[in-house]
Every structure is written in C-alpha cells, then in structure tokens.
C-alpha cells in the first residue's frame, strides 16, 4: 500500500507544483474547480445519491455556482464568509472529538449533509483561489499551505505507526491516535519556522507558529468529518480514482477544513488578501 501511495504521489506532486506555481490565478481557479467538482461527485454518493444521473446533476449545479462565484471571488462578502466557515470548522473539530457524534449505518438521501458539504467545498475553493491570487507571494503561499498539510499528514502517519497508543476519536476513526496528532503538530511547527525564515509575511515567528499549528489541528477535523460520512455509508474510501489514496475527497478532506482557517487566520493577522 505504501509503495502504491508513493508511486501515485510521484505523479501527482509535480503536477500540483506546476499548477500552483505555473498557472495564473484565473487558470488555477479553473483547475482547482475541476478538483472540487470531483469531490462533489463523491460527496453526492456519500450523501445517498447512488444514481449517476442524480450525482451528475449535482456536479453540474455546483459547476454553475463556481462559475457565478468566479467573478465575485474578490467581493467584500467573501472574506467574512470564509471567516465564518473557518469558525464552523473549528467547532466541528471540537464536536467530533467530544464523542457527541457517533456514526451509524444510514440509508437514503441526506440533503442537509449534501448542502453542508457543498458549502464547505465552495468555501475552500473561494479561500484557496483568494490565497493564490495574493499580490505578494500568492502562489508560493498557496504551495506552502499544501506542503504544510502534506508534512502534517506525513508526521501523523509515521508518528502514529511508531508511537501510536492512545486513540484520538475511536468512535469515528479507530486508526487515528493522539501520538499521530502530535507528529502532525510537530510538522506544522517546523513548517512555521521555515515560513518565518523565508520572511514572505510581515508576521512574527510566534504568530506564524500559532497560525500553522492551529491550521493543522483544524485539518484533523476535516479528516474526521469525512470519516463520519464514510462510516455511515460503510465505505472505506470516497472513491478509487487515485491508486493507494482512494478518491478525491480522501486527498483533500484536510484541506477542505484547513484552507478557510489558514486564510481567515492570515486575514485576522492583518495580511491583505
């Protein structure tokens, strides 16, 4: 499994670097929009729409929404929306850790879950296209954000395998451990120190550490959120498009939560976005 994951990553990572660093903001928004639509296809299935025509209708509807949002992604209402969404993801993390949500098998269509998922996907699209379009170091900061999540995920994986003993949220995801989260936070700390050294942002090292570490924590909530949906549907992966990695949502679940938080945190710190 690890070998397959690494081979898939060797193909995907250069494409991601090229897309983030090589494309202008409008084309990046389009490509990232296609990724989001792949997530919508899988989300519709997780929410009970098994028939392909129904899922396609949801995807086409979301494509229309993203098209309408494209010219509005720098409008005045966008940043408050991202900030509210970031707060919602923080609350989501705390609720899922509390044990208040216990996944159980469910059948039938769940429109409320689908609506919430669509709002989340539209929100991360707005947040990350806004980040990528920053006047100073926008694409580089977008790439840093992705590396932050990747490093945190890797830290969680290896720390969990080596030291994992205490379960983080056994009612949702038995494989996740507190030690794994510590590994993820350590990765976030290291990334923050690198960002401070690069001096791309007029922020202190302490504030950058706070932003990066909190972003990693919120990203765990995104992972747990998708785990709830999959467990309630009896699915191991959201899809099978990426060998060794599962589906699109399996690859971007952390970013869905972390993207709005990272951008909102930068905005609260006074970074112009």
Protein backbone atom coordinates (compact mmCIF):
# COMPACT_ATOMS: atom_id res chain seq x y z
CA UNK A 1 0.00 0.00 0.00
CA UNK A 2 2.77 2.44 0.92
CA UNK A 3 4.57 1.72 -2.36
CA UNK A 4 1.40 2.41 -4.35
CA UNK A 5 0.80 5.63 -2.44
CA UNK A 6 4.35 6.79 -3.13
CA UNK A 7 4.11 6.00 -6.85
CA UNK A 8 0.85 7.93 -7.15
CA UNK A 9 2.38 10.83 -5.23
CA UNK A 10 5.39 10.88 -7.57
CA UNK A 11 2.99 11.51 -10.45
CA UNK A 12 0.68 13.97 -8.68
CA UNK A 13 3.15 16.15 -6.79
CA UNK A 14 4.94 17.59 -9.87
CA UNK A 15 1.55 18.32 -11.45
CA UNK A 16 0.44 20.14 -8.31
CA UNK A 17 3.64 22.20 -8.19
CA UNK A 18 3.19 23.13 -11.84
CA UNK A 19 -0.48 24.04 -11.39
CA UNK A 20 0.07 26.14 -8.28
CA UNK A 21 3.29 27.90 -9.27
CA UNK A 22 2.96 27.96 -13.04
CA UNK A 23 -0.66 28.93 -13.70
CA UNK A 24 -2.12 32.43 -13.44
CA UNK A 25 -4.88 32.84 -10.88
CA UNK A 26 -7.78 32.52 -13.32
CA UNK A 27 -6.49 29.23 -14.74
CA UNK A 28 -5.57 27.93 -11.30
CA UNK A 29 -9.15 28.69 -10.21
CA UNK A 30 -10.45 26.67 -13.14
CA UNK A 31 -8.20 23.67 -12.49
CA UNK A 32 -8.91 23.70 -8.78
CA UNK A 33 -12.59 23.99 -9.61
CA UNK A 34 -12.36 20.71 -11.54
CA UNK A 35 -10.80 19.08 -8.46
CA UNK A 36 -13.66 20.40 -6.34
CA UNK A 37 -16.21 19.01 -8.81
CA UNK A 38 -14.56 15.60 -8.48
CA UNK A 39 -15.10 15.93 -4.75
CA UNK A 40 -18.75 16.88 -5.35
CA UNK A 41 -19.29 13.70 -7.37
CA UNK A 42 -18.03 11.60 -4.46
CA UNK A 43 -19.86 13.69 -1.85
CA UNK A 44 -23.17 13.10 -3.60
CA UNK A 45 -22.56 9.37 -3.37
CA UNK A 46 -21.66 9.60 0.32
CA UNK A 47 -24.90 11.51 0.91
CA UNK A 48 -27.04 8.81 -0.66
CA UNK A 49 -27.27 9.73 -4.34
CA UNK A 50 -26.19 6.43 -5.87
CA UNK A 51 -27.67 7.00 -9.35
CA UNK A 52 -25.16 8.54 -11.75
CA UNK A 53 -27.68 10.98 -13.37
CA UNK A 54 -28.58 12.44 -9.97
CA UNK A 55 -24.93 12.85 -8.99
CA UNK A 56 -24.16 14.41 -12.37
CA UNK A 57 -26.98 16.92 -11.82
CA UNK A 58 -25.41 17.95 -8.51
CA UNK A 59 -21.99 18.30 -10.16
CA UNK A 60 -23.41 20.46 -12.96
CA UNK A 61 -25.25 22.60 -10.43
CA UNK A 62 -22.05 23.12 -8.46
CA UNK A 63 -20.18 23.94 -11.67
CA UNK A 64 -22.73 26.69 -12.30
CA UNK A 65 -22.28 28.02 -8.78
CA UNK A 66 -18.49 28.14 -9.13
CA UNK A 67 -18.89 29.90 -12.49
CA UNK A 68 -21.04 32.58 -10.83
CA UNK A 69 -18.60 32.88 -7.93
CA UNK A 70 -15.59 33.27 -10.21
CA UNK A 71 -16.08 36.99 -10.82
CA UNK A 72 -17.08 37.51 -7.18
CA UNK A 73 -14.15 35.78 -5.50
CA UNK A 74 -12.67 39.15 -4.50
CA UNK A 75 -16.00 40.71 -3.45
CA UNK A 76 -16.37 42.21 0.01
CA UNK A 77 -18.62 39.43 1.34
CA UNK A 78 -16.17 36.64 0.52
CA UNK A 79 -13.72 37.13 3.40
CA UNK A 80 -16.45 37.29 6.11
CA UNK A 81 -17.92 34.10 4.62
CA UNK A 82 -14.51 32.40 4.80
CA UNK A 83 -14.08 33.56 8.40
CA UNK A 84 -17.48 32.19 9.45
CA UNK A 85 -16.69 28.92 7.68
CA UNK A 86 -13.34 28.75 9.48
CA UNK A 87 -15.09 29.15 12.83
CA UNK A 88 -17.56 26.42 11.86
CA UNK A 89 -14.68 24.05 11.10
CA UNK A 90 -13.12 24.78 14.50
CA UNK A 91 -16.43 23.96 16.19
CA UNK A 92 -16.69 20.83 14.03
CA UNK A 93 -13.31 19.65 15.34
CA UNK A 94 -14.34 20.09 18.97
CA UNK A 95 -17.73 18.43 18.48
CA UNK A 96 -16.27 15.39 16.73
CA UNK A 97 -13.65 14.95 19.46
CA UNK A 98 -16.28 15.24 22.20
CA UNK A 99 -17.98 12.00 21.24
CA UNK A 100 -21.30 13.73 20.58
CA UNK A 101 -21.31 12.34 17.03
CA UNK A 102 -21.31 8.54 16.76
CA UNK A 103 -21.52 7.27 13.17
CA UNK A 104 -24.08 4.58 12.50
CA UNK A 105 -25.24 2.98 9.23
CA UNK A 106 -27.67 5.15 7.32
CA UNK A 107 -29.64 4.63 4.13
CA UNK A 108 -31.40 7.10 1.91
CA UNK A 109 -30.65 10.56 0.65
CA UNK A 110 -29.44 13.16 3.19
CA UNK A 111 -29.95 16.59 1.61
CA UNK A 112 -28.75 18.54 4.68
CA UNK A 113 -25.40 16.72 4.67
CA UNK A 114 -25.08 17.35 0.94
CA UNK A 115 -25.84 21.05 1.35
CA UNK A 116 -23.28 21.38 4.14
CA UNK A 117 -20.69 19.58 2.04
CA UNK A 118 -21.34 21.80 -0.97
CA UNK A 119 -20.94 24.92 1.19
CA UNK A 120 -17.67 23.53 2.51
CA UNK A 121 -16.34 22.78 -0.98
CA UNK A 122 -17.39 26.17 -2.32
CA UNK A 123 -15.75 27.76 0.71
CA UNK A 124 -12.39 26.07 0.27
CA UNK A 125 -12.45 26.96 -3.43
CA UNK A 126 -13.02 30.63 -2.56
CA UNK A 127 -10.39 30.59 0.19
CA UNK A 128 -7.60 28.98 -1.80
CA UNK A 129 -8.23 30.91 -5.01
CA UNK A 130 -8.12 34.04 -2.87
CA UNK A 131 -4.84 32.90 -1.30
CA UNK A 132 -3.34 32.04 -4.70
CA UNK A 133 -4.32 35.46 -6.04
CA UNK A 134 -2.49 37.44 -3.34
CA UNK A 135 -0.40 40.27 -4.76
CA UNK A 136 2.73 39.25 -2.82
CA UNK A 137 3.85 35.61 -2.87
CA UNK A 138 0.32 34.33 -3.52
CA UNK A 139 1.21 31.15 -5.47
CA UNK A 140 4.17 30.49 -3.18
CA UNK A 141 1.97 30.78 -0.07
CA UNK A 142 -0.59 28.51 -1.69
CA UNK A 143 2.16 25.94 -2.25
CA UNK A 144 3.34 26.41 1.32
CA UNK A 145 -0.18 25.72 2.59
CA UNK A 146 -0.30 22.44 0.67
CA UNK A 147 3.15 21.46 1.92
CA UNK A 148 2.05 22.29 5.47
CA UNK A 149 -0.81 19.79 5.21
CA UNK A 150 1.32 17.18 3.49
CA UNK A 151 4.08 17.44 6.09
CA UNK A 152 1.49 17.27 8.88
CA UNK A 153 -0.17 14.21 7.32
CA UNK A 154 3.19 12.50 6.93
CA UNK A 155 4.14 13.35 10.52
CA UNK A 156 0.83 11.92 11.73
CA UNK A 157 1.25 8.75 9.67
CA UNK A 158 4.76 7.90 10.78
CA UNK A 159 4.36 9.03 14.40
CA UNK A 160 1.11 7.10 14.65
CA UNK A 161 2.69 3.92 13.28
CA UNK A 162 5.75 4.19 15.50
CA UNK A 163 4.35 5.56 18.75
CA UNK A 164 0.55 5.41 18.44
CA UNK A 165 -1.12 4.01 21.53
CA UNK A 166 -3.92 6.32 22.65
CA UNK A 167 -6.91 6.66 20.32
CA UNK A 168 -7.94 10.16 19.29
CA UNK A 169 -11.56 9.52 18.29
CA UNK A 170 -12.19 5.75 18.34
CA UNK A 171 -15.90 6.27 17.79
CA UNK A 172 -15.13 7.81 14.39
CA UNK A 173 -11.69 6.74 13.20
CA UNK A 174 -10.03 3.96 15.25
CA UNK A 175 -6.76 4.32 13.35
CA UNK A 176 -6.06 7.87 14.45
CA UNK A 177 -4.04 8.38 17.62
CA UNK A 178 -3.08 11.26 19.87
CA UNK A 179 0.57 10.48 19.15
CA UNK A 180 -0.18 10.85 15.44
CA UNK A 181 -1.66 14.30 16.05
CA UNK A 182 1.47 15.25 17.99
CA UNK A 183 3.52 14.19 14.98
CA UNK A 184 1.31 16.33 12.74
CA UNK A 185 1.68 19.35 15.04
CA UNK A 186 5.45 18.88 15.07
CA UNK A 187 5.42 19.01 11.29
CA UNK A 188 3.31 22.17 11.43
CA UNK A 189 5.77 23.76 13.85
CA UNK A 190 8.71 23.03 11.55
CA UNK A 191 6.84 24.46 8.55
CA UNK A 192 6.04 27.63 10.50
CA UNK A 193 9.72 28.13 11.33
CA UNK A 194 10.61 27.74 7.64
CA UNK A 195 7.95 30.31 6.71
CA UNK A 196 9.32 32.71 9.31
CA UNK A 197 12.81 32.25 7.87
CA UNK A 198 11.55 32.97 4.34
CA UNK A 199 10.03 36.29 5.53
CA UNK A 200 7.21 36.24 3.00
CA UNK A 201 4.79 37.65 5.55
CA UNK A 202 5.20 40.63 7.91
CA UNK A 203 4.34 38.49 10.93
CA UNK A 204 6.35 37.37 13.92
CA UNK A 205 7.62 33.80 14.20
CA UNK A 206 5.34 33.22 17.19
CA UNK A 207 2.26 34.29 15.26
CA UNK A 208 3.22 32.13 12.29
CA UNK A 209 3.63 29.14 14.61
CA UNK A 210 0.16 29.80 16.06
CA UNK A 211 -1.38 30.05 12.58
CA UNK A 212 0.30 26.92 11.23
CA UNK A 213 -0.23 24.74 14.29
CA UNK A 214 -3.90 25.74 14.58
CA UNK A 215 -4.34 25.08 10.85
CA UNK A 216 -3.02 21.56 11.35
CA UNK A 217 -5.43 20.98 14.25
CA UNK A 218 -8.42 22.15 12.22
CA UNK A 219 -7.31 19.94 9.32
CA UNK A 220 -7.74 16.92 11.60
CA UNK A 221 -11.39 17.92 11.93
CA UNK A 222 -11.78 17.80 8.15
CA UNK A 223 -10.37 14.28 8.12
CA UNK A 224 -12.76 13.21 10.88
CA UNK A 225 -15.71 14.83 9.10
CA UNK A 226 -15.14 12.74 6.00
CA UNK A 227 -14.61 9.64 8.16
CA UNK A 228 -18.10 10.14 9.62
CA UNK A 229 -19.63 10.25 6.14
CA UNK A 230 -17.75 7.15 5.01
CA UNK A 231 -18.51 5.11 8.13
CA UNK A 232 -22.20 5.92 7.89
CA UNK A 233 -22.17 4.67 4.30
CA UNK A 234 -20.00 1.65 5.07
CA UNK A 235 -17.27 2.84 2.69
CA UNK A 236 -13.52 2.64 3.21
CA UNK A 237 -12.69 5.29 0.59
CA UNK A 238 -14.72 8.03 -1.05
CA UNK A 239 -13.63 6.76 -4.48
CA UNK A 240 -10.92 4.84 -6.28
CA UNK A 241 -9.58 7.32 -8.81
CA UNK A 242 -6.17 7.60 -7.08
CA UNK A 243 -4.40 4.25 -6.57
CA UNK A 244 -3.34 3.85 -2.96
CA UNK A 245 -5.04 7.10 -1.95
CA UNK A 246 -8.71 6.45 -2.64
CA UNK A 247 -10.84 9.24 -4.02
CA UNK A 248 -10.60 13.00 -4.41
CA UNK A 249 -12.22 13.69 -1.05
CA UNK A 250 -9.76 11.32 0.61
CA UNK A 251 -6.95 13.56 -0.63
CA UNK A 252 -8.49 16.96 0.08
CA UNK A 253 -10.52 16.34 3.24
CA UNK A 254 -7.88 18.01 5.42
CA UNK A 255 -7.56 20.96 3.04
CA UNK A 256 -11.34 21.47 2.96
CA UNK A 257 -11.24 22.40 6.64
CA UNK A 258 -7.75 23.87 6.84
CA UNK A 259 -8.00 26.17 3.78
CA UNK A 260 -10.63 28.55 5.18
CA UNK A 261 -8.94 28.52 8.60
CA UNK A 262 -5.49 29.36 7.18
CA UNK A 263 -6.83 32.20 5.03
CA UNK A 264 -9.06 33.55 7.82
CA UNK A 265 -6.14 33.46 10.27
CA UNK A 266 -3.95 35.41 7.84
CA UNK A 267 -6.71 37.98 7.36
CA UNK A 268 -7.18 38.40 11.13
CA UNK A 269 -3.40 38.88 11.42
CA UNK A 270 -3.64 41.80 9.01
CA UNK A 271 -2.32 40.15 5.84
CA UNK A 272 -4.04 41.71 2.78
CA UNK A 273 -5.85 39.04 0.79
